[in-house]
N, C-alpha and C. Protein backbone atom coordinates (compact mmCIF):
# COMPACT_ATOMS: atom_id res chain seq x y z
N MET A 1 -36.07 -49.65 -145.51
CA MET A 1 -37.22 -48.81 -145.81
C MET A 1 -37.05 -47.48 -145.09
N PRO A 2 -37.47 -46.39 -145.72
CA PRO A 2 -37.19 -45.07 -145.16
C PRO A 2 -38.18 -44.62 -144.09
N TRP A 3 -38.66 -45.52 -143.28
CA TRP A 3 -39.54 -45.09 -142.20
C TRP A 3 -39.25 -45.92 -140.97
N GLU A 4 -39.20 -45.26 -139.86
CA GLU A 4 -39.02 -45.88 -138.57
C GLU A 4 -38.19 -47.16 -138.65
N ARG A 5 -38.54 -48.13 -137.84
CA ARG A 5 -37.81 -49.39 -137.79
C ARG A 5 -38.45 -50.39 -138.74
N THR A 6 -37.62 -51.10 -139.49
CA THR A 6 -38.13 -52.11 -140.41
C THR A 6 -38.38 -53.40 -139.64
N THR A 7 -39.60 -53.92 -139.76
CA THR A 7 -39.95 -55.20 -139.13
C THR A 7 -40.57 -56.09 -140.20
N LYS A 8 -40.63 -57.37 -139.90
CA LYS A 8 -41.26 -58.30 -140.84
C LYS A 8 -42.70 -57.90 -141.09
N GLN A 9 -43.41 -57.50 -140.04
CA GLN A 9 -44.81 -57.11 -140.19
C GLN A 9 -44.95 -55.93 -141.14
N ARG A 10 -44.14 -54.90 -140.94
CA ARG A 10 -44.21 -53.71 -141.79
C ARG A 10 -43.86 -54.05 -143.23
N THR A 11 -42.86 -54.88 -143.41
CA THR A 11 -42.45 -55.27 -144.75
C THR A 11 -43.57 -56.02 -145.46
N VAL A 12 -44.21 -56.98 -144.78
CA VAL A 12 -45.29 -57.77 -145.38
C VAL A 12 -46.48 -56.88 -145.71
N ILE A 13 -46.84 -55.97 -144.82
CA ILE A 13 -47.97 -55.07 -145.05
C ILE A 13 -47.74 -54.24 -146.31
N LEU A 14 -46.55 -53.67 -146.44
CA LEU A 14 -46.25 -52.85 -147.61
C LEU A 14 -46.21 -53.70 -148.88
N GLU A 15 -45.62 -54.89 -148.81
CA GLU A 15 -45.58 -55.78 -149.98
C GLU A 15 -46.99 -56.14 -150.45
N GLU A 16 -47.84 -56.51 -149.52
CA GLU A 16 -49.21 -56.90 -149.88
C GLU A 16 -49.99 -55.71 -150.44
N LEU A 17 -49.82 -54.55 -149.83
CA LEU A 17 -50.52 -53.37 -150.33
C LEU A 17 -50.07 -53.04 -151.75
N ARG A 18 -48.78 -53.15 -152.02
CA ARG A 18 -48.27 -52.86 -153.36
C ARG A 18 -48.79 -53.84 -154.40
N GLU A 19 -49.06 -55.08 -153.99
CA GLU A 19 -49.58 -56.09 -154.92
C GLU A 19 -51.07 -55.91 -155.20
N MET A 20 -51.78 -55.31 -154.27
CA MET A 20 -53.22 -55.13 -154.43
C MET A 20 -53.47 -53.87 -155.25
N ARG A 21 -54.25 -53.98 -156.28
CA ARG A 21 -54.58 -52.82 -157.12
C ARG A 21 -55.98 -52.30 -156.80
N SER A 22 -56.59 -52.84 -155.75
CA SER A 22 -57.98 -52.51 -155.44
C SER A 22 -58.12 -51.36 -154.45
N HIS A 23 -57.02 -50.77 -154.01
CA HIS A 23 -57.08 -49.71 -153.01
C HIS A 23 -57.86 -50.18 -151.79
N PRO A 24 -57.31 -51.16 -151.08
CA PRO A 24 -58.06 -51.80 -150.00
C PRO A 24 -58.25 -50.91 -148.78
N THR A 25 -59.24 -51.27 -147.99
CA THR A 25 -59.40 -50.69 -146.66
C THR A 25 -58.39 -51.40 -145.75
N ALA A 26 -58.19 -50.88 -144.56
CA ALA A 26 -57.30 -51.54 -143.61
C ALA A 26 -57.80 -52.95 -143.28
N ASP A 27 -59.12 -53.11 -143.17
CA ASP A 27 -59.70 -54.44 -142.89
C ASP A 27 -59.39 -55.43 -144.01
N GLU A 28 -59.54 -54.99 -145.26
CA GLU A 28 -59.27 -55.86 -146.41
C GLU A 28 -57.79 -56.24 -146.46
N LEU A 29 -56.94 -55.26 -146.21
CA LEU A 29 -55.50 -55.54 -146.20
C LEU A 29 -55.15 -56.48 -145.06
N HIS A 30 -55.76 -56.29 -143.91
CA HIS A 30 -55.52 -57.17 -142.76
C HIS A 30 -55.83 -58.62 -143.10
N GLU A 31 -56.97 -58.85 -143.76
CA GLU A 31 -57.33 -60.21 -144.15
C GLU A 31 -56.27 -60.83 -145.06
N ARG A 32 -55.77 -60.05 -145.97
CA ARG A 32 -54.74 -60.56 -146.90
C ARG A 32 -53.41 -60.81 -146.18
N VAL A 33 -53.01 -59.89 -145.32
CA VAL A 33 -51.75 -60.04 -144.59
C VAL A 33 -51.80 -61.24 -143.66
N ARG A 34 -52.98 -61.53 -143.10
CA ARG A 34 -53.12 -62.67 -142.20
C ARG A 34 -52.83 -64.01 -142.88
N LEU A 35 -52.91 -64.06 -144.19
CA LEU A 35 -52.55 -65.29 -144.90
C LEU A 35 -51.06 -65.58 -144.75
N ARG A 36 -50.26 -64.52 -144.58
CA ARG A 36 -48.82 -64.68 -144.40
C ARG A 36 -48.41 -64.58 -142.93
N LEU A 37 -49.14 -63.77 -142.18
CA LEU A 37 -48.83 -63.56 -140.76
C LEU A 37 -50.13 -63.75 -139.96
N PRO A 38 -50.48 -64.99 -139.67
CA PRO A 38 -51.79 -65.28 -139.06
C PRO A 38 -52.08 -64.57 -137.73
N ARG A 39 -51.05 -64.19 -137.01
CA ARG A 39 -51.29 -63.60 -135.68
C ARG A 39 -51.26 -62.07 -135.68
N ILE A 40 -51.13 -61.44 -136.84
CA ILE A 40 -51.05 -59.98 -136.88
C ILE A 40 -52.40 -59.38 -136.52
N SER A 41 -52.37 -58.30 -135.75
CA SER A 41 -53.62 -57.66 -135.33
C SER A 41 -54.02 -56.57 -136.30
N LEU A 42 -55.30 -56.27 -136.29
CA LEU A 42 -55.81 -55.18 -137.11
C LEU A 42 -55.19 -53.85 -136.66
N GLY A 43 -54.98 -53.70 -135.37
CA GLY A 43 -54.35 -52.49 -134.85
C GLY A 43 -52.95 -52.27 -135.41
N THR A 44 -52.20 -53.35 -135.57
CA THR A 44 -50.86 -53.25 -136.16
C THR A 44 -50.95 -52.78 -137.60
N VAL A 45 -51.92 -53.29 -138.33
CA VAL A 45 -52.10 -52.87 -139.72
C VAL A 45 -52.43 -51.39 -139.78
N TYR A 46 -53.36 -50.93 -138.93
CA TYR A 46 -53.72 -49.51 -138.90
C TYR A 46 -52.51 -48.64 -138.56
N ARG A 47 -51.77 -49.01 -137.52
CA ARG A 47 -50.61 -48.20 -137.11
C ARG A 47 -49.55 -48.16 -138.20
N THR A 48 -49.34 -49.29 -138.87
CA THR A 48 -48.35 -49.35 -139.94
C THR A 48 -48.78 -48.48 -141.11
N LEU A 49 -50.05 -48.52 -141.48
CA LEU A 49 -50.54 -47.68 -142.57
C LEU A 49 -50.38 -46.20 -142.24
N GLU A 50 -50.65 -45.82 -141.01
CA GLU A 50 -50.47 -44.43 -140.59
C GLU A 50 -49.00 -44.03 -140.70
N SER A 51 -48.11 -44.92 -140.29
CA SER A 51 -46.67 -44.67 -140.38
C SER A 51 -46.23 -44.54 -141.84
N LEU A 52 -46.73 -45.42 -142.69
CA LEU A 52 -46.39 -45.37 -144.11
C LEU A 52 -46.93 -44.11 -144.77
N GLU A 53 -48.10 -43.67 -144.33
CA GLU A 53 -48.67 -42.43 -144.86
C GLU A 53 -47.80 -41.24 -144.46
N ARG A 54 -47.40 -41.18 -143.20
CA ARG A 54 -46.53 -40.09 -142.74
C ARG A 54 -45.21 -40.06 -143.50
N ALA A 55 -44.72 -41.25 -143.87
CA ALA A 55 -43.44 -41.35 -144.59
C ALA A 55 -43.61 -41.08 -146.09
N GLY A 56 -44.84 -40.88 -146.53
CA GLY A 56 -45.10 -40.60 -147.94
C GLY A 56 -45.04 -41.82 -148.83
N MET A 57 -45.12 -43.00 -148.26
CA MET A 57 -45.04 -44.24 -149.03
C MET A 57 -46.42 -44.78 -149.40
N VAL A 58 -47.44 -44.27 -148.75
CA VAL A 58 -48.82 -44.70 -148.96
C VAL A 58 -49.68 -43.46 -149.01
N ARG A 59 -50.67 -43.49 -149.88
CA ARG A 59 -51.61 -42.38 -150.00
C ARG A 59 -52.98 -42.86 -149.57
N VAL A 60 -53.70 -42.03 -148.84
CA VAL A 60 -55.07 -42.33 -148.47
C VAL A 60 -55.97 -41.85 -149.59
N VAL A 61 -56.89 -42.70 -150.01
CA VAL A 61 -57.81 -42.38 -151.09
C VAL A 61 -59.21 -42.39 -150.51
N GLY A 62 -60.00 -41.43 -150.88
CA GLY A 62 -61.38 -41.38 -150.42
C GLY A 62 -61.78 -39.96 -150.13
N HIS A 63 -62.92 -39.82 -149.55
CA HIS A 63 -63.41 -38.50 -149.21
C HIS A 63 -63.93 -38.54 -147.78
N PRO A 64 -64.07 -37.38 -147.14
CA PRO A 64 -64.57 -37.35 -145.77
C PRO A 64 -65.90 -38.10 -145.67
N GLY A 65 -66.02 -38.89 -144.64
CA GLY A 65 -67.24 -39.65 -144.41
C GLY A 65 -67.23 -41.03 -145.03
N SER A 66 -66.19 -41.33 -145.84
CA SER A 66 -66.12 -42.67 -146.44
C SER A 66 -65.00 -43.45 -145.75
N GLN A 67 -65.03 -44.75 -145.93
CA GLN A 67 -64.00 -45.59 -145.36
C GLN A 67 -62.68 -45.29 -146.07
N ARG A 68 -61.62 -45.15 -145.29
CA ARG A 68 -60.31 -44.85 -145.86
C ARG A 68 -59.80 -46.04 -146.65
N ARG A 69 -59.29 -45.77 -147.84
CA ARG A 69 -58.66 -46.79 -148.68
C ARG A 69 -57.23 -46.35 -148.91
N PHE A 70 -56.37 -47.31 -149.20
CA PHE A 70 -54.95 -47.03 -149.27
C PHE A 70 -54.36 -47.39 -150.62
N ASP A 71 -53.41 -46.57 -151.06
CA ASP A 71 -52.78 -46.73 -152.37
C ASP A 71 -51.27 -46.63 -152.19
N ALA A 72 -50.57 -47.66 -152.62
CA ALA A 72 -49.10 -47.64 -152.57
C ALA A 72 -48.52 -47.61 -153.97
N THR A 73 -49.35 -47.28 -154.95
CA THR A 73 -48.91 -47.30 -156.34
C THR A 73 -47.82 -46.27 -156.59
N GLY A 74 -47.93 -45.09 -156.01
CA GLY A 74 -46.96 -44.03 -156.22
C GLY A 74 -47.14 -43.37 -157.57
N GLY A 75 -46.33 -42.39 -157.81
CA GLY A 75 -46.41 -41.68 -159.08
C GLY A 75 -47.60 -40.75 -159.13
N ASP A 76 -47.60 -39.91 -160.12
CA ASP A 76 -48.64 -38.91 -160.29
C ASP A 76 -49.82 -39.53 -161.05
N HIS A 77 -50.90 -39.78 -160.35
CA HIS A 77 -52.08 -40.33 -160.98
C HIS A 77 -53.32 -39.96 -160.18
N GLY A 78 -54.45 -39.96 -160.85
CA GLY A 78 -55.72 -39.68 -160.19
C GLY A 78 -56.47 -40.97 -159.90
N HIS A 79 -57.65 -40.81 -159.35
CA HIS A 79 -58.49 -41.96 -158.99
C HIS A 79 -59.93 -41.71 -159.41
N ILE A 80 -60.66 -42.80 -159.59
CA ILE A 80 -62.10 -42.72 -159.77
C ILE A 80 -62.73 -43.67 -158.76
N ARG A 81 -63.76 -43.17 -158.05
CA ARG A 81 -64.41 -43.93 -156.98
C ARG A 81 -65.88 -44.14 -157.33
N CYS A 82 -66.33 -45.37 -157.15
CA CYS A 82 -67.74 -45.69 -157.38
C CYS A 82 -68.57 -45.23 -156.18
N ILE A 83 -69.62 -44.46 -156.46
CA ILE A 83 -70.46 -43.96 -155.37
C ILE A 83 -71.40 -45.03 -154.82
N ARG A 84 -71.51 -46.16 -155.53
CA ARG A 84 -72.39 -47.24 -155.06
C ARG A 84 -71.65 -48.21 -154.14
N CYS A 85 -70.52 -48.76 -154.60
CA CYS A 85 -69.83 -49.82 -153.85
C CYS A 85 -68.53 -49.36 -153.19
N GLY A 86 -68.03 -48.18 -153.55
CA GLY A 86 -66.80 -47.68 -152.95
C GLY A 86 -65.53 -48.10 -153.66
N ARG A 87 -65.65 -48.91 -154.71
CA ARG A 87 -64.47 -49.35 -155.47
C ARG A 87 -63.69 -48.13 -155.94
N VAL A 88 -62.36 -48.24 -155.89
CA VAL A 88 -61.49 -47.16 -156.34
C VAL A 88 -60.52 -47.73 -157.37
N ASP A 89 -60.39 -47.05 -158.50
CA ASP A 89 -59.46 -47.45 -159.55
C ASP A 89 -58.51 -46.31 -159.86
N ASP A 90 -57.29 -46.68 -160.27
CA ASP A 90 -56.32 -45.68 -160.73
C ASP A 90 -56.72 -45.19 -162.11
N LEU A 91 -56.42 -43.93 -162.37
CA LEU A 91 -56.56 -43.38 -163.71
C LEU A 91 -55.18 -43.40 -164.35
N ALA A 92 -55.09 -43.88 -165.55
CA ALA A 92 -53.80 -43.98 -166.24
C ALA A 92 -53.26 -42.58 -166.52
N GLY A 93 -51.97 -42.45 -166.43
CA GLY A 93 -51.32 -41.18 -166.76
C GLY A 93 -51.36 -40.21 -165.60
N PRO A 94 -50.68 -39.09 -165.77
CA PRO A 94 -50.60 -38.10 -164.68
C PRO A 94 -51.93 -37.41 -164.44
N ALA A 95 -52.11 -37.02 -163.19
CA ALA A 95 -53.29 -36.24 -162.84
C ALA A 95 -53.18 -34.88 -163.51
N ASP A 96 -54.31 -34.27 -163.75
CA ASP A 96 -54.33 -32.95 -164.38
C ASP A 96 -53.65 -31.94 -163.47
N ALA A 97 -52.44 -31.56 -163.83
CA ALA A 97 -51.64 -30.67 -162.99
C ALA A 97 -52.22 -29.26 -162.90
N ARG A 98 -53.12 -28.90 -163.80
CA ARG A 98 -53.66 -27.54 -163.79
C ARG A 98 -54.98 -27.44 -163.03
N ALA A 99 -55.49 -28.54 -162.55
CA ALA A 99 -56.78 -28.50 -161.85
C ALA A 99 -56.71 -27.56 -160.65
N GLY A 100 -57.56 -26.57 -160.64
CA GLY A 100 -57.61 -25.64 -159.51
C GLY A 100 -56.44 -24.66 -159.49
N ASP A 101 -55.67 -24.58 -160.54
CA ASP A 101 -54.48 -23.74 -160.55
C ASP A 101 -54.81 -22.37 -161.13
N ASP A 102 -55.48 -21.55 -160.34
CA ASP A 102 -55.82 -20.22 -160.82
C ASP A 102 -55.08 -19.15 -160.05
N GLY A 103 -54.05 -19.53 -159.31
CA GLY A 103 -53.28 -18.58 -158.53
C GLY A 103 -53.83 -18.34 -157.15
N ALA A 104 -55.04 -18.84 -156.86
CA ALA A 104 -55.65 -18.60 -155.55
C ALA A 104 -54.84 -19.23 -154.43
N VAL A 105 -54.30 -20.39 -154.68
CA VAL A 105 -53.52 -21.09 -153.66
C VAL A 105 -52.30 -20.25 -153.28
N GLU A 106 -51.59 -19.78 -154.29
CA GLU A 106 -50.40 -18.98 -154.02
C GLU A 106 -50.75 -17.65 -153.34
N ARG A 107 -51.87 -17.04 -153.73
CA ARG A 107 -52.28 -15.78 -153.10
C ARG A 107 -52.58 -15.96 -151.62
N LEU A 108 -52.98 -17.16 -151.23
CA LEU A 108 -53.24 -17.44 -149.82
C LEU A 108 -51.96 -17.78 -149.06
N GLY A 109 -50.84 -17.85 -149.76
CA GLY A 109 -49.56 -18.10 -149.12
C GLY A 109 -49.18 -19.55 -148.98
N TYR A 110 -49.93 -20.43 -149.62
CA TYR A 110 -49.63 -21.86 -149.54
C TYR A 110 -48.50 -22.23 -150.48
N VAL A 111 -47.79 -23.28 -150.12
CA VAL A 111 -46.85 -23.95 -151.01
C VAL A 111 -47.49 -25.28 -151.36
N VAL A 112 -47.70 -25.54 -152.64
CA VAL A 112 -48.36 -26.77 -153.07
C VAL A 112 -47.36 -27.92 -152.99
N LEU A 113 -47.74 -28.96 -152.28
CA LEU A 113 -46.90 -30.15 -152.14
C LEU A 113 -47.34 -31.26 -153.08
N GLU A 114 -48.62 -31.29 -153.36
CA GLU A 114 -49.16 -32.36 -154.19
C GLU A 114 -50.50 -31.90 -154.75
N ARG A 115 -50.79 -32.35 -155.96
CA ARG A 115 -52.09 -32.09 -156.57
C ARG A 115 -52.78 -33.43 -156.75
N ARG A 116 -54.06 -33.45 -156.44
CA ARG A 116 -54.83 -34.69 -156.60
C ARG A 116 -56.05 -34.40 -157.44
N VAL A 117 -56.31 -35.29 -158.37
CA VAL A 117 -57.52 -35.20 -159.17
C VAL A 117 -58.26 -36.51 -158.99
N ASP A 118 -59.43 -36.44 -158.42
CA ASP A 118 -60.23 -37.63 -158.19
C ASP A 118 -61.61 -37.45 -158.80
N PHE A 119 -62.12 -38.51 -159.39
CA PHE A 119 -63.43 -38.50 -160.02
C PHE A 119 -64.35 -39.44 -159.26
N VAL A 120 -65.63 -39.18 -159.37
CA VAL A 120 -66.66 -40.01 -158.74
C VAL A 120 -67.61 -40.45 -159.85
N GLY A 121 -68.01 -41.72 -159.81
CA GLY A 121 -68.91 -42.24 -160.82
C GLY A 121 -69.53 -43.54 -160.37
N ILE A 122 -70.00 -44.32 -161.32
CA ILE A 122 -70.58 -45.64 -161.05
C ILE A 122 -69.77 -46.65 -161.84
N CYS A 123 -69.23 -47.64 -161.14
CA CYS A 123 -68.34 -48.63 -161.78
C CYS A 123 -69.14 -49.56 -162.71
N PRO A 124 -68.44 -50.27 -163.59
CA PRO A 124 -69.12 -51.18 -164.51
C PRO A 124 -69.96 -52.25 -163.81
N ALA A 125 -69.45 -52.81 -162.71
CA ALA A 125 -70.19 -53.86 -162.01
C ALA A 125 -71.50 -53.32 -161.44
N CYS A 126 -71.47 -52.13 -160.86
CA CYS A 126 -72.70 -51.55 -160.30
C CYS A 126 -73.67 -51.14 -161.40
N ARG A 127 -73.14 -50.62 -162.51
CA ARG A 127 -74.01 -50.28 -163.65
C ARG A 127 -74.71 -51.53 -164.18
N GLU A 128 -73.95 -52.62 -164.29
CA GLU A 128 -74.52 -53.88 -164.78
C GLU A 128 -75.60 -54.38 -163.83
N LYS A 129 -75.32 -54.30 -162.54
CA LYS A 129 -76.30 -54.74 -161.53
C LYS A 129 -77.57 -53.90 -161.62
N GLU A 130 -77.40 -52.59 -161.77
CA GLU A 130 -78.58 -51.71 -161.88
C GLU A 130 -79.39 -52.03 -163.13
N GLU A 131 -78.71 -52.34 -164.23
CA GLU A 131 -79.41 -52.69 -165.46
C GLU A 131 -80.17 -54.01 -165.30
N ARG A 132 -79.55 -54.99 -164.62
CA ARG A 132 -80.22 -56.28 -164.38
C ARG A 132 -81.43 -56.11 -163.49
N ASP A 133 -81.26 -55.26 -162.43
CA ASP A 133 -82.34 -55.07 -161.46
C ASP A 133 -83.39 -54.08 -161.94
N GLY A 134 -83.11 -53.41 -163.05
CA GLY A 134 -84.06 -52.43 -163.58
C GLY A 134 -84.10 -51.14 -162.81
N SER A 135 -83.02 -50.84 -162.10
CA SER A 135 -82.98 -49.60 -161.30
C SER A 135 -82.74 -48.40 -162.16
């Protein structure tokens, strides 16, 4: 793996994250990894995720003030996040490469490394719950 030292813990964390399509929080991933490595600490999961993010193998999904969620899907894609429950789903196909591309970034002297397009909405499960509850 192209980051730091490869350990069984790091390998399992990345494997489990890649299998999960739910964009888990570190806590959710920790619970899943513990099924394979019962003694792994939450701190190890956090440190590994930070290392994977620095290596460009994992992307953090979310917005300031929300719990960080992690995505190891890779490729050019956007996300949609439910404002009620926090669920995050991938959007099929490439993210809109022209979003915000009016030359302002270049005029400020930036070099664009990545473009992200994220949407916010209400997921089907929360919409169904609201309809049942009459909200």
